[in-house]
Amino acid sequence: VHVTESGGGLVQAGESLRLSCTGSGSDFNLWGIEWYRDPPGKERELVAKISVAGDTRYGDAVRGRFTITRDNGQKMSFLQMRSLKPEDTGVYYCKSDDYRVPWGQGTQVTVSS
């Protein structure tokens, strides 16, 4: 059982990206999903989370610009990122709230000024 992130890339400030998280196994619809990022030289931070019921929470730095969603039928979560800033640069990870599911490999997002 694992998660896999995709969709990262190099964009200019002000542009958008959509990240995808694909889960394996049969319990995806029982997981809360969290997106984290590792900014260069900084600690890992929580970006957004979505509960099983679809309730969402966002970090202060991204609230109003990022949207987290989930599609249980496809076993996927998405992080729509708009109005990207250079400080959004980092490796983005999705994580199940089930401690037995390991971290994915992450996907690199680079925002140039």
PDB file of N, CA and C in Angstrom:
ATOM      1  N   VAL A   1       0.865  -1.184   0.000  1.00  0.00           N
ATOM      2  CA  VAL A   1       0.000   0.000   0.000  1.00  0.00           C
ATOM      3  C   VAL A   1       0.895   1.226   0.000  1.00  0.00           C
ATOM      4  N   HIS A   2       0.626   2.152  -0.913  1.00  0.00           N
ATOM      5  CA  HIS A   2       1.468   3.333  -0.994  1.00  0.00           C
ATOM      6  C   HIS A   2       0.714   4.452  -1.699  1.00  0.00           C
ATOM      7  N   VAL A   3       1.331   5.619  -1.719  1.00  0.00           N
ATOM      8  CA  VAL A   3       0.812   6.762  -2.461  1.00  0.00           C
ATOM      9  C   VAL A   3       1.886   7.235  -3.429  1.00  0.00           C
ATOM     10  N   THR A   4       1.464   7.816  -4.533  1.00  0.00           N
ATOM     11  CA  THR A   4       2.380   8.312  -5.549  1.00  0.00           C
ATOM     12  C   THR A   4       1.936   9.696  -5.984  1.00  0.00           C
ATOM     13  N   GLU A   5       2.860  10.647  -5.922  1.00  0.00           N
ATOM     14  CA  GLU A   5       2.564  12.014  -6.328  1.00  0.00           C
ATOM     15  C   GLU A   5       3.038  12.251  -7.765  1.00  0.00           C
ATOM     16  N   SER A   6       2.361  13.155  -8.443  1.00  0.00           N
ATOM     17  CA  SER A   6       2.763  13.554  -9.787  1.00  0.00           C
ATOM     18  C   SER A   6       2.236  14.948 -10.078  1.00  0.00           C
ATOM     19  N   GLY A   7       2.728  15.530 -11.156  1.00  0.00           N
ATOM     20  CA  GLY A   7       2.199  16.803 -11.611  1.00  0.00           C
ATOM     21  C   GLY A   7       3.070  18.011 -11.350  1.00  0.00           C
ATOM     22  N   GLY A   8       4.195  17.803 -10.682  1.00  0.00           N
ATOM     23  CA  GLY A   8       5.073  18.936 -10.420  1.00  0.00           C
ATOM     24  C   GLY A   8       5.737  19.448 -11.682  1.00  0.00           C
ATOM     25  N   GLY A   9       6.428  20.564 -11.565  1.00  0.00           N
ATOM     26  CA  GLY A   9       7.126  21.121 -12.709  1.00  0.00           C
ATOM     27  C   GLY A   9       7.670  22.500 -12.414  1.00  0.00           C
ATOM     28  N   LEU A  10       8.141  23.140 -13.464  1.00  0.00           N
ATOM     29  CA  LEU A  10       8.685  24.493 -13.372  1.00  0.00           C
ATOM     30  C   LEU A  10       7.686  25.464 -13.984  1.00  0.00           C
ATOM     31  N   VAL A  11       7.260  26.434 -13.202  1.00  0.00           N
ATOM     32  CA  VAL A  11       6.322  27.438 -13.688  1.00  0.00           C
ATOM     33  C   VAL A  11       6.803  28.821 -13.262  1.00  0.00           C
ATOM     34  N   GLN A  12       6.203  29.830 -13.857  1.00  0.00           N
ATOM     35  CA  GLN A  12       6.510  31.205 -13.460  1.00  0.00           C
ATOM     36  C   GLN A  12       5.525  31.666 -12.392  1.00  0.00           C
ATOM     37  N   ALA A  13       5.941  32.641 -11.645  1.00  0.00           N
ATOM     38  CA  ALA A  13       5.075  33.204 -10.621  1.00  0.00           C
ATOM     39  C   ALA A  13       3.760  33.650 -11.239  1.00  0.00           C
ATOM     40  N   GLY A  14       2.668  33.350 -10.537  1.00  0.00           N
ATOM     41  CA  GLY A  14       1.350  33.710 -11.014  1.00  0.00           C
ATOM     42  C   GLY A  14       0.641  32.598 -11.775  1.00  0.00           C
ATOM     43  N   GLU A  15       1.394  31.595 -12.179  1.00  0.00           N
ATOM     44  CA  GLU A  15       0.788  30.488 -12.927  1.00  0.00           C
ATOM     45  C   GLU A  15       0.207  29.450 -11.972  1.00  0.00           C
ATOM     46  N   SER A  16      -0.356  28.391 -12.570  1.00  0.00           N
ATOM     47  CA  SER A  16      -1.038  27.351 -11.799  1.00  0.00           C
ATOM     48  C   SER A  16      -0.442  25.982 -12.106  1.00  0.00           C
ATOM     49  N   LEU A  17      -0.626  25.073 -11.164  1.00  0.00           N
ATOM     50  CA  LEU A  17      -0.277  23.668 -11.339  1.00  0.00           C
ATOM     51  C   LEU A  17      -1.306  22.837 -10.594  1.00  0.00           C
ATOM     52  N   ARG A  18      -1.521  21.609 -11.072  1.00  0.00           N
ATOM     53  CA  ARG A  18      -2.353  20.684 -10.324  1.00  0.00           C
ATOM     54  C   ARG A  18      -1.546  19.431 -10.029  1.00  0.00           C
ATOM     55  N   LEU A  19      -1.404  19.132  -8.771  1.00  0.00           N
ATOM     56  CA  LEU A  19      -0.713  17.929  -8.333  1.00  0.00           C
ATOM     57  C   LEU A  19      -1.717  16.809  -8.108  1.00  0.00           C
ATOM     58  N   SER A  20      -1.278  15.597  -8.375  1.00  0.00           N
ATOM     59  CA  SER A  20      -2.120  14.425  -8.175  1.00  0.00           C
ATOM     60  C   SER A  20      -1.460  13.463  -7.202  1.00  0.00           C
ATOM     61  N   CYS A  21      -2.298  12.799  -6.446  1.00  0.00           N
ATOM     62  CA  CYS A  21      -1.848  11.765  -5.508  1.00  0.00           C
ATOM     63  C   CYS A  21      -2.692  10.529  -5.771  1.00  0.00           C
ATOM     64  N   THR A  22      -2.042   9.438  -6.103  1.00  0.00           N
ATOM     65  CA  THR A  22      -2.744   8.193  -6.383  1.00  0.00           C
ATOM     66  C   THR A  22      -2.442   7.188  -5.282  1.00  0.00           C
ATOM     67  N   GLY A  23      -3.489   6.623  -4.725  1.00  0.00           N
ATOM     68  CA  GLY A  23      -3.319   5.643  -3.666  1.00  0.00           C
ATOM     69  C   GLY A  23      -3.530   4.224  -4.171  1.00  0.00           C
ATOM     70  N   SER A  24      -2.821   3.303  -3.589  1.00  0.00           N
ATOM     71  CA  SER A  24      -3.030   1.900  -3.912  1.00  0.00           C
ATOM     72  C   SER A  24      -3.814   1.260  -2.778  1.00  0.00           C
ATOM     73  N   GLY A  25      -4.210   0.025  -2.947  1.00  0.00           N
ATOM     74  CA  GLY A  25      -4.934  -0.672  -1.912  1.00  0.00           C
ATOM     75  C   GLY A  25      -6.413  -0.308  -1.913  1.00  0.00           C
ATOM     76  N   SER A  26      -7.161  -0.944  -1.043  1.00  0.00           N
ATOM     77  CA  SER A  26      -8.617  -0.816  -1.050  1.00  0.00           C
ATOM     78  C   SER A  26      -9.150   0.148  -0.002  1.00  0.00           C
ATOM     79  N   ASP A  27      -8.259   0.755   0.796  1.00  0.00           N
ATOM     80  CA  ASP A  27      -8.726   1.569   1.918  1.00  0.00           C
ATOM     81  C   ASP A  27      -8.651   3.065   1.659  1.00  0.00           C
ATOM     82  N   PHE A  28      -8.406   3.479   0.425  1.00  0.00           N
ATOM     83  CA  PHE A  28      -8.214   4.906   0.152  1.00  0.00           C
ATOM     84  C   PHE A  28      -9.372   5.726   0.684  1.00  0.00           C
ATOM     85  N   ASN A  29     -10.592   5.227   0.517  1.00  0.00           N
ATOM     86  CA  ASN A  29     -11.751   6.016   0.940  1.00  0.00           C
ATOM     87  C   ASN A  29     -11.870   6.113   2.462  1.00  0.00           C
ATOM     88  N   LEU A  30     -11.003   5.383   3.173  1.00  0.00           N
ATOM     89  CA  LEU A  30     -10.992   5.453   4.633  1.00  0.00           C
ATOM     90  C   LEU A  30      -9.881   6.357   5.163  1.00  0.00           C
ATOM     91  N   TRP A  31      -9.065   6.898   4.250  1.00  0.00           N
ATOM     92  CA  TRP A  31      -7.932   7.730   4.650  1.00  0.00           C
ATOM     93  C   TRP A  31      -8.286   9.204   4.612  1.00  0.00           C
ATOM     94  N   GLY A  32      -7.851   9.931   5.626  1.00  0.00           N
ATOM     95  CA  GLY A  32      -7.692  11.355   5.436  1.00  0.00           C
ATOM     96  C   GLY A  32      -6.424  11.554   4.620  1.00  0.00           C
ATOM     97  N   ILE A  33      -6.375  12.571   3.777  1.00  0.00           N
ATOM     98  CA  ILE A  33      -5.220  12.821   2.917  1.00  0.00           C
ATOM     99  C   ILE A  33      -4.631  14.184   3.273  1.00  0.00           C
ATOM    100  N   GLU A  34      -3.329  14.220   3.380  1.00  0.00           N
ATOM    101  CA  GLU A  34      -2.611  15.454   3.710  1.00  0.00           C
ATOM    102  C   GLU A  34      -1.548  15.716   2.649  1.00  0.00           C
ATOM    103  N   TRP A  35      -1.399  16.963   2.300  1.00  0.00           N
ATOM    104  CA  TRP A  35      -0.319  17.394   1.419  1.00  0.00           C
ATOM    105  C   TRP A  35       0.682  18.207   2.247  1.00  0.00           C
ATOM    106  N   TYR A  36       1.944  17.869   2.091  1.00  0.00           N
ATOM    107  CA  TYR A  36       3.031  18.572   2.757  1.00  0.00           C
ATOM    108  C   TYR A  36       4.002  19.076   1.689  1.00  0.00           C
ATOM    109  N   ARG A  37       4.862  19.983   2.107  1.00  0.00           N
ATOM    110  CA  ARG A  37       5.939  20.397   1.204  1.00  0.00           C
ATOM    111  C   ARG A  37       7.216  20.631   1.991  1.00  0.00           C
ATOM    112  N   ASP A  38       8.331  20.410   1.304  1.00  0.00           N
ATOM    113  CA  ASP A  38       9.660  20.686   1.842  1.00  0.00           C
ATOM    114  C   ASP A  38      10.238  21.865   1.087  1.00  0.00           C
ATOM    115  N   PRO A  39      10.114  23.081   1.619  1.00  0.00           N
ATOM    116  CA  PRO A  39      10.768  24.218   0.967  1.00  0.00           C
ATOM    117  C   PRO A  39      12.277  24.111   1.133  1.00  0.00           C
ATOM    118  N   PRO A  40      13.052  24.624   0.207  1.00  0.00           N
ATOM    119  CA  PRO A  40      14.508  24.547   0.330  1.00  0.00           C
ATOM    120  C   PRO A  40      15.006  25.201   1.621  1.00  0.00           C
ATOM    121  N   GLY A  41      15.751  24.452   2.403  1.00  0.00           N
ATOM    122  CA  GLY A  41      16.333  25.000   3.616  1.00  0.00           C
ATOM    123  C   GLY A  41      15.371  25.192   4.766  1.00  0.00           C
ATOM    124  N   LYS A  42      14.166  24.703   4.622  1.00  0.00           N
ATOM    125  CA  LYS A  42      13.168  24.878   5.694  1.00  0.00           C
ATOM    126  C   LYS A  42      12.590  23.531   6.086  1.00  0.00           C
ATOM    127  N   GLU A  43      11.854  23.551   7.186  1.00  0.00           N
ATOM    128  CA  GLU A  43      11.232  22.319   7.652  1.00  0.00           C
ATOM    129  C   GLU A  43       9.996  21.984   6.826  1.00  0.00           C
ATOM    130  N   ARG A  44       9.668  20.725   6.820  1.00  0.00           N
ATOM    131  CA  ARG A  44       8.462  20.266   6.147  1.00  0.00           C
ATOM    132  C   ARG A  44       7.248  20.928   6.784  1.00  0.00           C
ATOM    133  N   GLU A  45       6.309  21.344   5.948  1.00  0.00           N
ATOM    134  CA  GLU A  45       5.114  22.006   6.462  1.00  0.00           C
ATOM    135  C   GLU A  45       3.858  21.429   5.826  1.00  0.00           C
ATOM    136  N   LEU A  46       2.805  21.459   6.601  1.00  0.00           N
ATOM    137  CA  LEU A  46       1.516  20.996   6.118  1.00  0.00           C
ATOM    138  C   LEU A  46       0.917  22.060   5.212  1.00  0.00           C
ATOM    139  N   VAL A  47       0.508  21.637   4.037  1.00  0.00           N
ATOM    140  CA  VAL A  47      -0.086  22.557   3.066  1.00  0.00           C
ATOM    141  C   VAL A  47      -1.605  22.506   3.134  1.00  0.00           C
ATOM    142  N   ALA A  48      -2.144  21.297   3.092  1.00  0.00           N
ATOM    143  CA  ALA A  48      -3.591  21.143   3.079  1.00  0.00           C
ATOM    144  C   ALA A  48      -3.941  19.720   3.493  1.00  0.00           C
ATOM    145  N   LYS A  49      -5.164  19.565   3.949  1.00  0.00           N
ATOM    146  CA  LYS A  49      -5.641  18.236   4.319  1.00  0.00           C
ATOM    147  C   LYS A  49      -7.118  18.123   4.025  1.00  0.00           C
ATOM    148  N   ILE A  50      -7.539  16.893   3.748  1.00  0.00           N
ATOM    149  CA  ILE A  50      -8.955  16.642   3.476  1.00  0.00           C
ATOM    150  C   ILE A  50      -9.346  15.376   4.210  1.00  0.00           C
ATOM    151  N   SER A  51     -10.463  15.452   4.899  1.00  0.00           N
ATOM    152  CA  SER A  51     -10.912  14.313   5.686  1.00  0.00           C
ATOM    153  C   SER A  51     -11.669  13.318   4.817  1.00  0.00           C
ATOM    154  N   VAL A  52     -12.016  12.211   5.422  1.00  0.00           N
ATOM    155  CA  VAL A  52     -12.827  11.206   4.734  1.00  0.00           C
ATOM    156  C   VAL A  52     -14.142  11.831   4.274  1.00  0.00           C
ATOM    157  N   ALA A  53     -14.686  12.697   5.092  1.00  0.00           N
ATOM    158  CA  ALA A  53     -15.971  13.330   4.774  1.00  0.00           C
ATOM    159  C   ALA A  53     -15.835  14.498   3.807  1.00  0.00           C
ATOM    160  N   GLY A  54     -14.585  14.870   3.485  1.00  0.00           N
ATOM    161  CA  GLY A  54     -14.384  15.964   2.542  1.00  0.00           C
ATOM    162  C   GLY A  54     -14.143  17.316   3.183  1.00  0.00           C
ATOM    163  N   ASP A  55     -14.028  17.359   4.506  1.00  0.00           N
ATOM    164  CA  ASP A  55     -13.690  18.622   5.175  1.00  0.00           C
ATOM    165  C   ASP A  55     -12.236  18.980   4.870  1.00  0.00           C
ATOM    166  N   THR A  56     -11.993  20.245   4.647  1.00  0.00           N
ATOM    167  CA  THR A  56     -10.653  20.679   4.240  1.00  0.00           C
ATOM    168  C   THR A  56     -10.061  21.681   5.223  1.00  0.00           C
ATOM    169  N   ARG A  57      -8.754  21.682   5.284  1.00  0.00           N
ATOM    170  CA  ARG A  57      -7.984  22.653   6.082  1.00  0.00           C
ATOM    171  C   ARG A  57      -6.768  23.055   5.263  1.00  0.00           C
ATOM    172  N   TYR A  58      -6.337  24.304   5.443  1.00  0.00           N
ATOM    173  CA  TYR A  58      -5.207  24.813   4.676  1.00  0.00           C
ATOM    174  C   TYR A  58      -4.211  25.528   5.571  1.00  0.00           C
ATOM    175  N   GLY A  59      -2.951  25.469   5.165  1.00  0.00           N
ATOM    176  CA  GLY A  59      -1.949  26.262   5.845  1.00  0.00           C
ATOM    177  C   GLY A  59      -2.151  27.736   5.535  1.00  0.00           C
ATOM    178  N   ASP A  60      -1.711  28.581   6.432  1.00  0.00           N
ATOM    179  CA  ASP A  60      -1.926  30.017   6.267  1.00  0.00           C
ATOM    180  C   ASP A  60      -1.298  30.543   4.977  1.00  0.00           C
ATOM    181  N   ALA A  61      -0.176  29.969   4.581  1.00  0.00           N
ATOM    182  CA  ALA A  61       0.540  30.492   3.421  1.00  0.00           C
ATOM    183  C   ALA A  61      -0.166  30.211   2.099  1.00  0.00           C
ATOM    184  N   VAL A  62      -1.078  29.260   2.088  1.00  0.00           N
ATOM    185  CA  VAL A  62      -1.701  28.859   0.817  1.00  0.00           C
ATOM    186  C   VAL A  62      -3.204  29.064   0.801  1.00  0.00           C
ATOM    187  N   ARG A  63      -3.775  29.393   1.920  1.00  0.00           N
ATOM    188  CA  ARG A  63      -5.235  29.537   1.994  1.00  0.00           C
ATOM    189  C   ARG A  63      -5.700  30.591   1.000  1.00  0.00           C
ATOM    190  N   GLY A  64      -6.711  30.216   0.234  1.00  0.00           N
ATOM    191  CA  GLY A  64      -7.247  31.120  -0.776  1.00  0.00           C
ATOM    192  C   GLY A  64      -6.618  30.941  -2.148  1.00  0.00           C
ATOM    193  N   ARG A  65      -5.491  30.227  -2.209  1.00  0.00           N
ATOM    194  CA  ARG A  65      -4.825  30.001  -3.498  1.00  0.00           C
ATOM    195  C   ARG A  65      -4.824  28.516  -3.894  1.00  0.00           C
ATOM    196  N   PHE A  66      -4.783  27.642  -2.901  1.00  0.00           N
ATOM    197  CA  PHE A  66      -4.728  26.205  -3.158  1.00  0.00           C
ATOM    198  C   PHE A  66      -6.067  25.570  -2.806  1.00  0.00           C
ATOM    199  N   THR A  67      -6.418  24.515  -3.530  1.00  0.00           N
ATOM    200  CA  THR A  67      -7.633  23.764  -3.261  1.00  0.00           C
ATOM    201  C   THR A  67      -7.324  22.274  -3.270  1.00  0.00           C
ATOM    202  N   ILE A  68      -7.695  21.599  -2.203  1.00  0.00           N
ATOM    203  CA  ILE A  68      -7.502  20.152  -2.125  1.00  0.00           C
ATOM    204  C   ILE A  68      -8.835  19.456  -2.366  1.00  0.00           C
ATOM    205  N   THR A  69      -8.802  18.419  -3.152  1.00  0.00           N
ATOM    206  CA  THR A  69     -10.002  17.627  -3.426  1.00  0.00           C
ATOM    207  C   THR A  69      -9.629  16.148  -3.417  1.00  0.00           C
ATOM    208  N   ARG A  70     -10.651  15.331  -3.492  1.00  0.00           N
ATOM    209  CA  ARG A  70     -10.406  13.893  -3.558  1.00  0.00           C
ATOM    210  C   ARG A  70     -11.450  13.233  -4.440  1.00  0.00           C
ATOM    211  N   ASP A  71     -11.063  12.134  -5.043  1.00  0.00           N
ATOM    212  CA  ASP A  71     -11.965  11.317  -5.852  1.00  0.00           C
ATOM    213  C   ASP A  71     -11.762   9.888  -5.392  1.00  0.00           C
ATOM    214  N   ASN A  72     -12.641   9.427  -4.535  1.00  0.00           N
ATOM    215  CA  ASN A  72     -12.458   8.090  -3.966  1.00  0.00           C
ATOM    216  C   ASN A  72     -12.579   6.996  -5.021  1.00  0.00           C
ATOM    217  N   GLY A  73     -13.407   7.206  -6.018  1.00  0.00           N
ATOM    218  CA  GLY A  73     -13.551   6.202  -7.068  1.00  0.00           C
ATOM    219  C   GLY A  73     -12.253   5.957  -7.813  1.00  0.00           C
ATOM    220  N   GLN A  74     -11.484   7.025  -8.022  1.00  0.00           N
ATOM    221  CA  GLN A  74     -10.200   6.890  -8.696  1.00  0.00           C
ATOM    222  C   GLN A  74      -9.068   6.679  -7.708  1.00  0.00           C
ATOM    223  N   LYS A  75      -9.362   6.723  -6.402  1.00  0.00           N
ATOM    224  CA  LYS A  75      -8.329   6.618  -5.364  1.00  0.00           C
ATOM    225  C   LYS A  75      -7.276   7.710  -5.557  1.00  0.00           C
ATOM    226  N   MET A  76      -7.777   8.936  -5.729  1.00  0.00           N
ATOM    227  CA  MET A  76      -6.863  10.046  -5.980  1.00  0.00           C
ATOM    228  C   MET A  76      -7.237  11.267  -5.152  1.00  0.00           C
ATOM    229  N   SER A  77      -6.223  12.060  -4.891  1.00  0.00           N
ATOM    230  CA  SER A  77      -6.408  13.375  -4.324  1.00  0.00           C
ATOM    231  C   SER A  77      -5.682  14.367  -5.232  1.00  0.00           C
ATOM    232  N   PHE A  78      -6.191  15.587  -5.260  1.00  0.00           N
ATOM    233  CA  PHE A  78      -5.611  16.610  -6.111  1.00  0.00           C
ATOM    234  C   PHE A  78      -5.329  17.864  -5.293  1.00  0.00           C
ATOM    235  N   LEU A  79      -4.274  18.531  -5.658  1.00  0.00           N
ATOM    236  CA  LEU A  79      -3.962  19.825  -5.060  1.00  0.00           C
ATOM    237  C   LEU A  79      -3.856  20.833  -6.189  1.00  0.00           C
ATOM    238  N   GLN A  80      -4.902  21.632  -6.352  1.00  0.00           N
ATOM    239  CA  GLN A  80      -4.906  22.681  -7.368  1.00  0.00           C
ATOM    240  C   GLN A  80      -4.227  23.914  -6.777  1.00  0.00           C
ATOM    241  N   MET A  81      -3.171  24.358  -7.419  1.00  0.00           N
ATOM    242  CA  MET A  81      -2.382  25.484  -6.917  1.00  0.00           C
ATOM    243  C   MET A  81      -2.477  26.637  -7.908  1.00  0.00           C
ATOM    244  N   ARG A  82      -2.932  27.781  -7.450  1.00  0.00           N
ATOM    245  CA  ARG A  82      -3.085  28.964  -8.292  1.00  0.00           C
ATOM    246  C   ARG A  82      -2.238  30.097  -7.740  1.00  0.00           C
ATOM    247  N   SER A  83      -2.024  31.081  -8.577  1.00  0.00           N
ATOM    248  CA  SER A  83      -1.262  32.274  -8.166  1.00  0.00           C
ATOM    249  C   SER A  83       0.023  31.872  -7.445  1.00  0.00           C
ATOM    250  N   LEU A  84       0.752  30.990  -8.070  1.00  0.00           N
ATOM    251  CA  LEU A  84       1.953  30.453  -7.427  1.00  0.00           C
ATOM    252  C   LEU A  84       2.996  31.537  -7.209  1.00  0.00           C
ATOM    253  N   LYS A  85       3.726  31.391  -6.115  1.00  0.00           N
ATOM    254  CA  LYS A  85       4.768  32.331  -5.732  1.00  0.00           C
ATOM    255  C   LYS A  85       6.107  31.593  -5.632  1.00  0.00           C
ATOM    256  N   PRO A  86       7.207  32.287  -5.757  1.00  0.00           N
ATOM    257  CA  PRO A  86       8.514  31.613  -5.599  1.00  0.00           C
ATOM    258  C   PRO A  86       8.636  30.871  -4.267  1.00  0.00           C
ATOM    259  N   GLU A  87       8.017  31.385  -3.235  1.00  0.00           N
ATOM    260  CA  GLU A  87       8.092  30.714  -1.930  1.00  0.00           C
ATOM    261  C   GLU A  87       7.280  29.431  -1.861  1.00  0.00           C
ATOM    262  N   ASP A  88       6.520  29.126  -2.915  1.00  0.00           N
ATOM    263  CA  ASP A  88       5.827  27.836  -2.989  1.00  0.00           C
ATOM    264  C   ASP A  88       6.746  26.726  -3.501  1.00  0.00           C
ATOM    265  N   THR A  89       7.934  27.092  -3.903  1.00  0.00           N
ATOM    266  CA  THR A  89       8.893  26.106  -4.389  1.00  0.00           C
ATOM    267  C   THR A  89       9.207  25.071  -3.326  1.00  0.00           C
ATOM    268  N   GLY A  90       9.284  23.814  -3.752  1.00  0.00           N
ATOM    269  CA  GLY A  90       9.625  22.745  -2.833  1.00  0.00           C
ATOM    270  C   GLY A  90       9.206  21.396  -3.377  1.00  0.00           C
ATOM    271  N   VAL A  91       9.507  20.355  -2.616  1.00  0.00           N
ATOM    272  CA  VAL A  91       9.047  19.011  -2.943  1.00  0.00           C
ATOM    273  C   VAL A  91       7.732  18.789  -2.210  1.00  0.00           C
ATOM    274  N   TYR A  92       6.728  18.403  -2.954  1.00  0.00           N
ATOM    275  CA  TYR A  92       5.386  18.213  -2.412  1.00  0.00           C
ATOM    276  C   TYR A  92       5.103  16.719  -2.247  1.00  0.00           C
ATOM    277  N   TYR A  93       4.547  16.394  -1.091  1.00  0.00           N
ATOM    278  CA  TYR A  93       4.230  15.010  -0.754  1.00  0.00           C
ATOM    279  C   TYR A  93       2.766  14.898  -0.358  1.00  0.00           C
ATOM    280  N   CYS A  94       2.153  13.814  -0.739  1.00  0.00           N
ATOM    281  CA  CYS A  94       0.851  13.511  -0.151  1.00  0.00           C
ATOM    282  C   CYS A  94       1.034  12.392   0.853  1.00  0.00           C
ATOM    283  N   LYS A  95       0.158  12.361   1.835  1.00  0.00           N
ATOM    284  CA  LYS A  95       0.310  11.413   2.931  1.00  0.00           C
ATOM    285  C   LYS A  95      -1.058  10.959   3.403  1.00  0.00           C
ATOM    286  N   SER A  96      -1.168   9.655   3.580  1.00  0.00           N
ATOM    287  CA  SER A  96      -2.369   9.125   4.220  1.00  0.00           C
ATOM    288  C   SER A  96      -2.262   9.358   5.721  1.00  0.00           C
ATOM    289  N   ASP A  97      -3.389   9.553   6.380  1.00  0.00           N
ATOM    290  CA  ASP A  97      -3.337   9.671   7.838  1.00  0.00           C
ATOM    291  C   ASP A  97      -3.256   8.310   8.510  1.00  0.00           C
ATOM    292  N   ASP A  98      -3.225   7.250   7.725  1.00  0.00           N
ATOM    293  CA  ASP A  98      -2.961   5.912   8.251  1.00  0.00           C
ATOM    294  C   ASP A  98      -1.447   5.753   8.390  1.00  0.00           C
ATOM    295  N   TYR A  99      -0.952   5.603   9.611  1.00  0.00           N
ATOM    296  CA  TYR A  99       0.482   5.603   9.861  1.00  0.00           C
ATOM    297  C   TYR A  99       1.199   4.462   9.144  1.00  0.00           C
ATOM    298  N   ARG A 100       0.457   3.446   8.739  1.00  0.00           N
ATOM    299  CA  ARG A 100       1.099   2.305   8.083  1.00  0.00           C
ATOM    300  C   ARG A 100       1.451   2.587   6.629  1.00  0.00           C
ATOM    301  N   VAL A 101       0.902   3.653   6.076  1.00  0.00           N
ATOM    302  CA  VAL A 101       1.173   3.980   4.670  1.00  0.00           C
ATOM    303  C   VAL A 101       2.407   4.873   4.602  1.00  0.00           C
ATOM    304  N   PRO A 102       3.431   4.448   3.900  1.00  0.00           N
ATOM    305  CA  PRO A 102       4.668   5.233   3.870  1.00  0.00           C
ATOM    306  C   PRO A 102       4.539   6.491   3.017  1.00  0.00           C
ATOM    307  N   TRP A 103       5.459   7.411   3.223  1.00  0.00           N
ATOM    308  CA  TRP A 103       5.528   8.605   2.393  1.00  0.00           C
ATOM    309  C   TRP A 103       5.835   8.216   0.953  1.00  0.00           C
ATOM    310  N   GLY A 104       5.309   9.000   0.011  1.00  0.00           N
ATOM    311  CA  GLY A 104       5.667   8.819  -1.380  1.00  0.00           C
ATOM    312  C   GLY A 104       7.000   9.459  -1.680  1.00  0.00           C
ATOM    313  N   GLN A 105       7.359   9.471  -2.949  1.00  0.00           N
ATOM    314  CA  GLN A 105       8.662  10.011  -3.344  1.00  0.00           C
ATOM    315  C   GLN A 105       8.626  11.526  -3.531  1.00  0.00           C
ATOM    316  N   GLY A 106       7.433  12.079  -3.573  1.00  0.00           N
ATOM    317  CA  GLY A 106       7.282  13.516  -3.734  1.00  0.00           C
ATOM    318  C   GLY A 106       7.372  13.954  -5.185  1.00  0.00           C
ATOM    319  N   THR A 107       6.953  15.180  -5.425  1.00  0.00           N
ATOM    320  CA  THR A 107       7.041  15.764  -6.757  1.00  0.00           C
ATOM    321  C   THR A 107       7.550  17.197  -6.610  1.00  0.00           C
ATOM    322  N   GLN A 108       8.505  17.571  -7.443  1.00  0.00           N
ATOM    323  CA  GLN A 108       9.167  18.871  -7.320  1.00  0.00           C
ATOM    324  C   GLN A 108       8.333  19.954  -7.984  1.00  0.00           C
ATOM    325  N   VAL A 109       8.128  21.031  -7.258  1.00  0.00           N
ATOM    326  CA  VAL A 109       7.487  22.235  -7.793  1.00  0.00           C
ATOM    327  C   VAL A 109       8.497  23.375  -7.682  1.00  0.00           C
ATOM    328  N   THR A 110       8.751  24.019  -8.802  1.00  0.00           N
ATOM    329  CA  THR A 110       9.672  25.154  -8.815  1.00  0.00           C
ATOM    330  C   THR A 110       8.955  26.337  -9.443  1.00  0.00           C
ATOM    331  N   VAL A 111       8.904  27.440  -8.698  1.00  0.00           N
ATOM    332  CA  VAL A 111       8.243  28.649  -9.176  1.00  0.00           C
ATOM    333  C   VAL A 111       9.303  29.723  -9.350  1.00  0.00           C
ATOM    334  N   SER A 112       9.476  30.173 -10.569  1.00  0.00           N
ATOM    335  CA  SER A 112      10.464  31.210 -10.843  1.00  0.00           C
ATOM    336  C   SER A 112       9.826  32.590 -10.769  1.00  0.00           C
ATOM    337  N   SER A 113      10.624  33.550 -10.395  1.00  0.00           N
ATOM    338  CA  SER A 113      10.102  34.926 -10.255  1.00  0.00           C
ATOM    339  C   SER A 113      10.220  35.695 -11.553  1.00  0.00           C
TER     340      SER A 113
END
